[in-house]
Amino acid sequence: MNRTFSPVWILKAFAKIIPYLGVTIGIMVGVIVCGLLIALLLVKGTVSKRKLPRVLAFGYIAIMRCTPAIVLLFIVFYGVPKLLLTAFGININFLPKAVAVITALSLLYASSLAEIIRSAYLSVNKGQYEAAVSIGLSRFQALYRIVAPQAFVIALPNLGNSLISLLKEGSLAYTIGLIDSMGAGNIMISLNYGGYALETYLALAIIYWMLTFIIEKAFAQLENVHSNGIRNGH
């Protein structure tokens, strides 16, 4: 049966999808936390004076940046549990699907985040760090109080872009059955036997546009506040 385009259905789909927005945001928060921890380890490796940590860190970054998100997600969700069960007798199939999504996206997000942090760190004049240490600050204090604030401002635009990319990649979670915003939309389409697909996807697009807009404005405000803070000596 052919259906005419229904603007009202966009509102209906919007209302039904919004409750699952918490899952989408929760996944993002989990990936940001885990990805940041991995990224900091990678940055430490890339700036190390020893060859082995540098090779391992840059090798990891190169491999992950060339790996499609959906491929890694399938490897983590389907491949790793089977490997652990077959080779070691360890069963992790009971874990929530969100764990696989956060793990896969964290591994990917960490690679791009590490490069952003590394480039921002290296862009800060090292003379400032050396001067801070020479006047009695510890290395950690010099890094935390002098280098990190400047590097953070430099990194902000790229951090915002990477977060938007993460938001879009997170929509792949539905491919393994996790019911987030995208998953809820696809279930609605299935329940209507493929009907109102355009309206449902438009509702999803509006939701993702709104989230992207919020992220862009938040990072623009952060950049403005921290830039003024540095100029004012805070």
C-alpha atoms as a PDB file:
ATOM      1  CA  MET A   1       0.000   0.000   0.000  1.00  0.00           C
ATOM      2  CA  ASN A   2       1.371   3.385  -1.033  1.00  0.00           C
ATOM      3  CA  ARG A   3       1.433   6.036   1.673  1.00  0.00           C
ATOM      4  CA  THR A   4       1.637   9.762   1.137  1.00  0.00           C
ATOM      5  CA  PHE A   5       4.271  11.768   2.955  1.00  0.00           C
ATOM      6  CA  SER A   6       3.049  12.600   6.459  1.00  0.00           C
ATOM      7  CA  PRO A   7       4.685  15.541   8.289  1.00  0.00           C
ATOM      8  CA  VAL A   8       2.681  14.586  11.381  1.00  0.00           C
ATOM      9  CA  TRP A   9       4.487  11.244  11.484  1.00  0.00           C
ATOM     10  CA  ILE A  10       7.791  13.092  11.856  1.00  0.00           C
ATOM     11  CA  LEU A  11       6.525  14.465  15.150  1.00  0.00           C
ATOM     12  CA  LYS A  12       5.274  11.031  16.195  1.00  0.00           C
ATOM     13  CA  ALA A  13       8.619   9.434  15.353  1.00  0.00           C
ATOM     14  CA  PHE A  14      10.464  12.233  17.113  1.00  0.00           C
ATOM     15  CA  ALA A  15       8.457  11.666  20.301  1.00  0.00           C
ATOM     16  CA  LYS A  16       9.076   7.909  20.242  1.00  0.00           C
ATOM     17  CA  ILE A  17      12.810   8.179  19.520  1.00  0.00           C
ATOM     18  CA  ILE A  18      13.670  10.887  22.081  1.00  0.00           C
ATOM     19  CA  PRO A  19      13.400   8.498  25.105  1.00  0.00           C
ATOM     20  CA  TYR A  20      16.269   6.452  23.649  1.00  0.00           C
ATOM     21  CA  LEU A  21      18.494   9.503  23.370  1.00  0.00           C
ATOM     22  CA  GLY A  22      19.877   8.686  26.823  1.00  0.00           C
ATOM     23  CA  VAL A  23      21.388   5.482  25.436  1.00  0.00           C
ATOM     24  CA  THR A  24      23.081   7.401  22.614  1.00  0.00           C
ATOM     25  CA  ILE A  25      24.498  10.002  25.002  1.00  0.00           C
ATOM     26  CA  GLY A  26      25.522   7.323  27.513  1.00  0.00           C
ATOM     27  CA  ILE A  27      27.493   5.505  24.826  1.00  0.00           C
ATOM     28  CA  MET A  28      29.217   8.757  23.883  1.00  0.00           C
ATOM     29  CA  VAL A  29      30.187   9.520  27.479  1.00  0.00           C
ATOM     30  CA  GLY A  30      31.571   6.016  27.947  1.00  0.00           C
ATOM     31  CA  VAL A  31      33.603   6.264  24.760  1.00  0.00           C
ATOM     32  CA  ILE A  32      34.951   9.702  25.680  1.00  0.00           C
ATOM     33  CA  VAL A  33      36.153   8.514  29.097  1.00  0.00           C
ATOM     34  CA  CYS A  34      37.688   5.246  27.899  1.00  0.00           C
ATOM     35  CA  GLY A  35      39.035   6.778  24.699  1.00  0.00           C
ATOM     36  CA  LEU A  36      40.711   9.610  26.593  1.00  0.00           C
ATOM     37  CA  LEU A  37      42.513   7.185  28.906  1.00  0.00           C
ATOM     38  CA  ILE A  38      43.809   5.181  25.951  1.00  0.00           C
ATOM     39  CA  ALA A  39      44.711   8.355  24.056  1.00  0.00           C
ATOM     40  CA  LEU A  40      46.822   9.687  26.927  1.00  0.00           C
ATOM     41  CA  LEU A  41      48.795   6.445  26.964  1.00  0.00           C
ATOM     42  CA  LEU A  42      49.252   6.718  23.205  1.00  0.00           C
ATOM     43  CA  VAL A  43      50.426  10.326  23.468  1.00  0.00           C
ATOM     44  CA  LYS A  44      52.938   9.334  26.117  1.00  0.00           C
ATOM     45  CA  GLY A  45      54.222   6.685  23.730  1.00  0.00           C
ATOM     46  CA  THR A  46      54.407   8.972  20.699  1.00  0.00           C
ATOM     47  CA  VAL A  47      56.459  11.631  22.507  1.00  0.00           C
ATOM     48  CA  SER A  48      58.681   9.108  24.252  1.00  0.00           C
ATOM     49  CA  LYS A  49      62.415   9.210  23.586  1.00  0.00           C
ATOM     50  CA  ARG A  50      62.492   5.426  23.394  1.00  0.00           C
ATOM     51  CA  LYS A  51      61.918   3.820  20.013  1.00  0.00           C
ATOM     52  CA  LEU A  52      59.725   0.871  21.056  1.00  0.00           C
ATOM     53  CA  PRO A  53      56.924   2.934  22.689  1.00  0.00           C
ATOM     54  CA  ARG A  54      56.922   5.297  19.700  1.00  0.00           C
ATOM     55  CA  VAL A  55      56.682   2.450  17.188  1.00  0.00           C
ATOM     56  CA  LEU A  56      53.896   0.728  19.123  1.00  0.00           C
ATOM     57  CA  ALA A  57      51.919   3.952  19.617  1.00  0.00           C
ATOM     58  CA  PHE A  58      52.215   5.158  16.030  1.00  0.00           C
ATOM     59  CA  GLY A  59      51.541   1.627  14.746  1.00  0.00           C
ATOM     60  CA  TYR A  60      48.335   1.425  16.776  1.00  0.00           C
ATOM     61  CA  ILE A  61      47.205   4.847  15.577  1.00  0.00           C
ATOM     62  CA  ALA A  62      47.909   3.984  11.925  1.00  0.00           C
ATOM     63  CA  ILE A  63      46.014   0.688  12.109  1.00  0.00           C
ATOM     64  CA  MET A  64      42.989   2.095  13.927  1.00  0.00           C
ATOM     65  CA  ARG A  65      42.672   5.140  11.696  1.00  0.00           C
ATOM     66  CA  CYS A  66      42.475   2.816   8.681  1.00  0.00           C
ATOM     67  CA  THR A  67      39.852   0.523  10.227  1.00  0.00           C
ATOM     68  CA  PRO A  68      36.158   1.194   9.477  1.00  0.00           C
ATOM     69  CA  ALA A  69      34.091   1.560  12.635  1.00  0.00           C
ATOM     70  CA  ILE A  70      31.578  -1.101  11.619  1.00  0.00           C
ATOM     71  CA  VAL A  71      34.359  -3.631  10.926  1.00  0.00           C
ATOM     72  CA  LEU A  72      35.927  -3.140  14.346  1.00  0.00           C
ATOM     73  CA  LEU A  73      32.494  -3.245  15.984  1.00  0.00           C
ATOM     74  CA  PHE A  74      31.774  -6.637  14.404  1.00  0.00           C
ATOM     75  CA  ILE A  75      35.218  -7.930  15.390  1.00  0.00           C
ATOM     76  CA  VAL A  76      34.714  -6.883  19.009  1.00  0.00           C
ATOM     77  CA  PHE A  77      31.104  -8.097  19.234  1.00  0.00           C
ATOM     78  CA  TYR A  78      31.273 -11.317  17.200  1.00  0.00           C
ATOM     79  CA  GLY A  79      34.950 -12.224  16.865  1.00  0.00           C
ATOM     80  CA  VAL A  80      36.465 -11.565  20.289  1.00  0.00           C
ATOM     81  CA  PRO A  81      33.856 -13.556  22.310  1.00  0.00           C
ATOM     82  CA  LYS A  82      34.207 -16.522  19.949  1.00  0.00           C
ATOM     83  CA  LEU A  83      38.015 -16.371  20.133  1.00  0.00           C
ATOM     84  CA  LEU A  84      38.031 -16.202  23.923  1.00  0.00           C
ATOM     85  CA  LEU A  85      35.548 -19.056  24.204  1.00  0.00           C
ATOM     86  CA  THR A  86      37.355 -21.282  21.699  1.00  0.00           C
ATOM     87  CA  ALA A  87      40.934 -20.595  22.766  1.00  0.00           C
ATOM     88  CA  PHE A  88      40.616 -20.020  26.510  1.00  0.00           C
ATOM     89  CA  GLY A  89      37.154 -21.236  27.488  1.00  0.00           C
ATOM     90  CA  ILE A  90      36.165 -17.750  28.628  1.00  0.00           C
ATOM     91  CA  ASN A  91      32.547 -16.826  27.981  1.00  0.00           C
ATOM     92  CA  ILE A  92      31.797 -13.101  27.745  1.00  0.00           C
ATOM     93  CA  ASN A  93      28.579 -13.392  25.741  1.00  0.00           C
ATOM     94  CA  PHE A  94      26.610 -12.361  28.827  1.00  0.00           C
ATOM     95  CA  LEU A  95      28.033  -8.825  28.704  1.00  0.00           C
ATOM     96  CA  PRO A  96      25.668  -6.048  27.571  1.00  0.00           C
ATOM     97  CA  LYS A  97      25.912  -5.017  23.940  1.00  0.00           C
ATOM     98  CA  ALA A  98      26.816  -1.520  25.086  1.00  0.00           C
ATOM     99  CA  VAL A  99      30.153  -2.888  26.337  1.00  0.00           C
ATOM    100  CA  ALA A 100      31.091  -4.017  22.830  1.00  0.00           C
ATOM    101  CA  VAL A 101      30.033  -0.681  21.340  1.00  0.00           C
ATOM    102  CA  ILE A 102      31.975   1.362  23.895  1.00  0.00           C
ATOM    103  CA  THR A 103      35.039  -0.882  23.531  1.00  0.00           C
ATOM    104  CA  ALA A 104      35.130  -0.728  19.730  1.00  0.00           C
ATOM    105  CA  LEU A 105      34.465   2.997  19.466  1.00  0.00           C
ATOM    106  CA  SER A 106      36.924   3.776  22.286  1.00  0.00           C
ATOM    107  CA  LEU A 107      39.687   1.973  20.435  1.00  0.00           C
ATOM    108  CA  LEU A 108      38.928   4.007  17.314  1.00  0.00           C
ATOM    109  CA  TYR A 109      38.294   7.311  19.046  1.00  0.00           C
ATOM    110  CA  ALA A 110      41.538   7.043  21.006  1.00  0.00           C
ATOM    111  CA  SER A 111      43.602   6.999  17.810  1.00  0.00           C
ATOM    112  CA  SER A 112      42.223  10.295  16.496  1.00  0.00           C
ATOM    113  CA  LEU A 113      42.132  11.840  19.962  1.00  0.00           C
ATOM    114  CA  ALA A 114      45.787  10.943  20.528  1.00  0.00           C
ATOM    115  CA  GLU A 115      46.833  12.758  17.373  1.00  0.00           C
ATOM    116  CA  ILE A 116      44.823  15.827  18.362  1.00  0.00           C
ATOM    117  CA  ILE A 117      46.373  15.936  21.834  1.00  0.00           C
ATOM    118  CA  ARG A 118      49.887  15.246  20.544  1.00  0.00           C
ATOM    119  CA  SER A 119      49.765  17.993  17.908  1.00  0.00           C
ATOM    120  CA  ALA A 120      48.363  20.481  20.432  1.00  0.00           C
ATOM    121  CA  TYR A 121      51.024  19.555  22.991  1.00  0.00           C
ATOM    122  CA  LEU A 122      53.844  19.928  20.477  1.00  0.00           C
ATOM    123  CA  SER A 123      52.519  23.284  19.276  1.00  0.00           C
ATOM    124  CA  VAL A 124      53.121  24.897  22.686  1.00  0.00           C
ATOM    125  CA  ASN A 125      56.502  26.577  22.936  1.00  0.00           C
ATOM    126  CA  LYS A 126      58.708  24.277  25.015  1.00  0.00           C
ATOM    127  CA  GLY A 127      60.599  27.286  26.299  1.00  0.00           C
ATOM    128  CA  GLN A 128      57.637  28.035  28.556  1.00  0.00           C
ATOM    129  CA  TYR A 129      57.832  24.576  30.103  1.00  0.00           C
ATOM    130  CA  GLU A 130      61.574  24.883  30.638  1.00  0.00           C
ATOM    131  CA  ALA A 131      61.192  28.357  32.160  1.00  0.00           C
ATOM    132  CA  ALA A 132      58.510  27.098  34.553  1.00  0.00           C
ATOM    133  CA  VAL A 133      60.728  24.251  35.712  1.00  0.00           C
ATOM    134  CA  SER A 134      63.702  26.593  36.104  1.00  0.00           C
ATOM    135  CA  ILE A 135      61.804  28.847  38.534  1.00  0.00           C
ATOM    136  CA  GLY A 136      60.960  25.955  40.829  1.00  0.00           C
ATOM    137  CA  LEU A 137      57.790  24.345  39.483  1.00  0.00           C
ATOM    138  CA  SER A 138      57.769  20.572  39.315  1.00  0.00           C
ATOM    139  CA  ARG A 139      57.453  18.917  35.908  1.00  0.00           C
ATOM    140  CA  PHE A 140      53.838  18.022  36.633  1.00  0.00           C
ATOM    141  CA  GLN A 141      53.034  21.578  37.755  1.00  0.00           C
ATOM    142  CA  ALA A 142      54.670  23.035  34.656  1.00  0.00           C
ATOM    143  CA  LEU A 143      52.710  20.645  32.450  1.00  0.00           C
ATOM    144  CA  TYR A 144      49.405  21.141  34.276  1.00  0.00           C
ATOM    145  CA  ARG A 145      49.565  24.913  34.832  1.00  0.00           C
ATOM    146  CA  ILE A 146      51.525  26.148  31.792  1.00  0.00           C
ATOM    147  CA  VAL A 147      51.393  23.686  28.896  1.00  0.00           C
ATOM    148  CA  ALA A 148      48.025  21.964  29.337  1.00  0.00           C
ATOM    149  CA  PRO A 149      45.795  25.111  29.313  1.00  0.00           C
ATOM    150  CA  GLN A 150      47.371  26.369  26.095  1.00  0.00           C
ATOM    151  CA  ALA A 151      47.288  22.952  24.453  1.00  0.00           C
ATOM    152  CA  PHE A 152      43.645  22.554  25.450  1.00  0.00           C
ATOM    153  CA  VAL A 153      42.638  25.775  23.664  1.00  0.00           C
ATOM    154  CA  ILE A 154      44.584  24.756  20.555  1.00  0.00           C
ATOM    155  CA  ALA A 155      42.957  21.330  20.548  1.00  0.00           C
ATOM    156  CA  LEU A 156      39.367  22.495  21.141  1.00  0.00           C
ATOM    157  CA  PRO A 157      38.246  22.921  17.479  1.00  0.00           C
ATOM    158  CA  ASN A 158      39.529  19.467  16.539  1.00  0.00           C
ATOM    159  CA  LEU A 159      38.104  17.962  19.725  1.00  0.00           C
ATOM    160  CA  GLY A 160      34.693  19.296  18.770  1.00  0.00           C
ATOM    161  CA  ASN A 161      34.961  17.850  15.270  1.00  0.00           C
ATOM    162  CA  SER A 162      36.060  14.469  16.622  1.00  0.00           C
ATOM    163  CA  LEU A 163      33.130  14.428  19.041  1.00  0.00           C
ATOM    164  CA  ILE A 164      30.707  15.090  16.189  1.00  0.00           C
ATOM    165  CA  SER A 165      32.280  12.239  14.232  1.00  0.00           C
ATOM    166  CA  LEU A 166      31.921  10.018  17.293  1.00  0.00           C
ATOM    167  CA  LEU A 167      28.232  10.927  17.523  1.00  0.00           C
ATOM    168  CA  LYS A 168      27.680   9.785  13.948  1.00  0.00           C
ATOM    169  CA  GLU A 169      29.743   6.609  14.329  1.00  0.00           C
ATOM    170  CA  GLY A 170      27.776   5.760  17.466  1.00  0.00           C
ATOM    171  CA  SER A 171      24.686   5.349  15.290  1.00  0.00           C
ATOM    172  CA  LEU A 172      26.206   2.055  14.097  1.00  0.00           C
ATOM    173  CA  ALA A 173      25.348   0.513  17.475  1.00  0.00           C
ATOM    174  CA  TYR A 174      21.995  -0.626  16.098  1.00  0.00           C
ATOM    175  CA  THR A 175      23.792  -3.032  13.726  1.00  0.00           C
ATOM    176  CA  ILE A 176      24.467  -5.391  16.650  1.00  0.00           C
ATOM    177  CA  GLY A 177      21.020  -4.952  18.168  1.00  0.00           C
ATOM    178  CA  LEU A 178      21.607  -2.164  20.683  1.00  0.00           C
ATOM    179  CA  ILE A 179      18.476  -0.050  20.894  1.00  0.00           C
ATOM    180  CA  ASP A 180      19.627   3.550  20.857  1.00  0.00           C
ATOM    181  CA  SER A 181      18.118   6.435  18.886  1.00  0.00           C
ATOM    182  CA  MET A 182      18.934   4.884  15.518  1.00  0.00           C
ATOM    183  CA  GLY A 183      17.849   1.443  16.678  1.00  0.00           C
ATOM    184  CA  ALA A 184      14.520   2.788  17.903  1.00  0.00           C
ATOM    185  CA  GLY A 185      13.934   4.447  14.542  1.00  0.00           C
ATOM    186  CA  ASN A 186      14.655   1.252  12.630  1.00  0.00           C
ATOM    187  CA  ILE A 187      12.332  -0.736  14.892  1.00  0.00           C
ATOM    188  CA  MET A 188       9.556   1.753  14.161  1.00  0.00           C
ATOM    189  CA  ILE A 189      10.081   1.308  10.430  1.00  0.00           C
ATOM    190  CA  SER A 190      10.029  -2.482  10.794  1.00  0.00           C
ATOM    191  CA  LEU A 191       6.815  -2.408  12.831  1.00  0.00           C
ATOM    192  CA  ASN A 192       5.213  -0.393  10.034  1.00  0.00           C
ATOM    193  CA  TYR A 193       6.474  -2.880   7.404  1.00  0.00           C
ATOM    194  CA  GLY A 194       8.768  -0.307   5.864  1.00  0.00           C
ATOM    195  CA  GLY A 195       6.194   2.448   5.966  1.00  0.00           C
ATOM    196  CA  TYR A 196       6.962   6.006   7.066  1.00  0.00           C
ATOM    197  CA  ALA A 197      10.675   5.346   6.617  1.00  0.00           C
ATOM    198  CA  LEU A 198      11.338   8.806   5.167  1.00  0.00           C
ATOM    199  CA  GLU A 199       9.514  10.527   8.019  1.00  0.00           C
ATOM    200  CA  THR A 200      11.325   8.431  10.634  1.00  0.00           C
ATOM    201  CA  TYR A 201      14.743   9.118   9.153  1.00  0.00           C
ATOM    202  CA  LEU A 202      13.940  12.817   8.939  1.00  0.00           C
ATOM    203  CA  ALA A 203      13.089  12.743  12.652  1.00  0.00           C
ATOM    204  CA  LEU A 204      16.431  11.028  13.311  1.00  0.00           C
ATOM    205  CA  ALA A 205      18.222  13.599  11.167  1.00  0.00           C
ATOM    206  CA  ILE A 206      16.644  16.435  13.166  1.00  0.00           C
ATOM    207  CA  ILE A 207      17.762  14.814  16.429  1.00  0.00           C
ATOM    208  CA  TYR A 208      21.339  14.406  15.204  1.00  0.00           C
ATOM    209  CA  TRP A 209      21.353  17.946  13.812  1.00  0.00           C
ATOM    210  CA  MET A 210      20.268  19.245  17.205  1.00  0.00           C
ATOM    211  CA  LEU A 211      22.989  17.295  19.013  1.00  0.00           C
ATOM    212  CA  THR A 212      25.612  18.479  16.530  1.00  0.00           C
ATOM    213  CA  PHE A 213      24.482  22.079  16.950  1.00  0.00           C
ATOM    214  CA  ILE A 214      24.718  21.798  20.738  1.00  0.00           C
ATOM    215  CA  ILE A 215      28.225  20.310  20.518  1.00  0.00           C
ATOM    216  CA  GLU A 216      29.388  23.052  18.131  1.00  0.00           C
ATOM    217  CA  LYS A 217      28.036  25.846  20.334  1.00  0.00           C
ATOM    218  CA  ALA A 218      29.418  24.272  23.516  1.00  0.00           C
ATOM    219  CA  PHE A 219      32.920  23.989  22.089  1.00  0.00           C
ATOM    220  CA  ALA A 220      32.772  27.505  20.645  1.00  0.00           C
ATOM    221  CA  GLN A 221      31.874  28.802  24.099  1.00  0.00           C
ATOM    222  CA  LEU A 222      34.639  26.743  25.720  1.00  0.00           C
ATOM    223  CA  GLU A 223      37.165  28.072  23.239  1.00  0.00           C
ATOM    224  CA  ASN A 224      36.067  31.654  23.892  1.00  0.00           C
ATOM    225  CA  VAL A 225      36.163  31.292  27.691  1.00  0.00           C
ATOM    226  CA  HIS A 226      39.537  29.537  27.848  1.00  0.00           C
ATOM    227  CA  SER A 227      41.117  31.830  25.263  1.00  0.00           C
ATOM    228  CA  ASN A 228      40.083  34.850  27.327  1.00  0.00           C
ATOM    229  CA  GLY A 229      41.364  33.137  30.463  1.00  0.00           C
ATOM    230  CA  ILE A 230      44.802  32.603  28.960  1.00  0.00           C
ATOM    231  CA  ARG A 231      44.946  36.176  27.618  1.00  0.00           C
ATOM    232  CA  ASN A 232      44.026  37.474  31.079  1.00  0.00           C
ATOM    233  CA  GLY A 233      46.670  35.316  32.731  1.00  0.00           C
ATOM    234  CA  HIS A 234      44.296  32.874  34.496  1.00  0.00           C
END
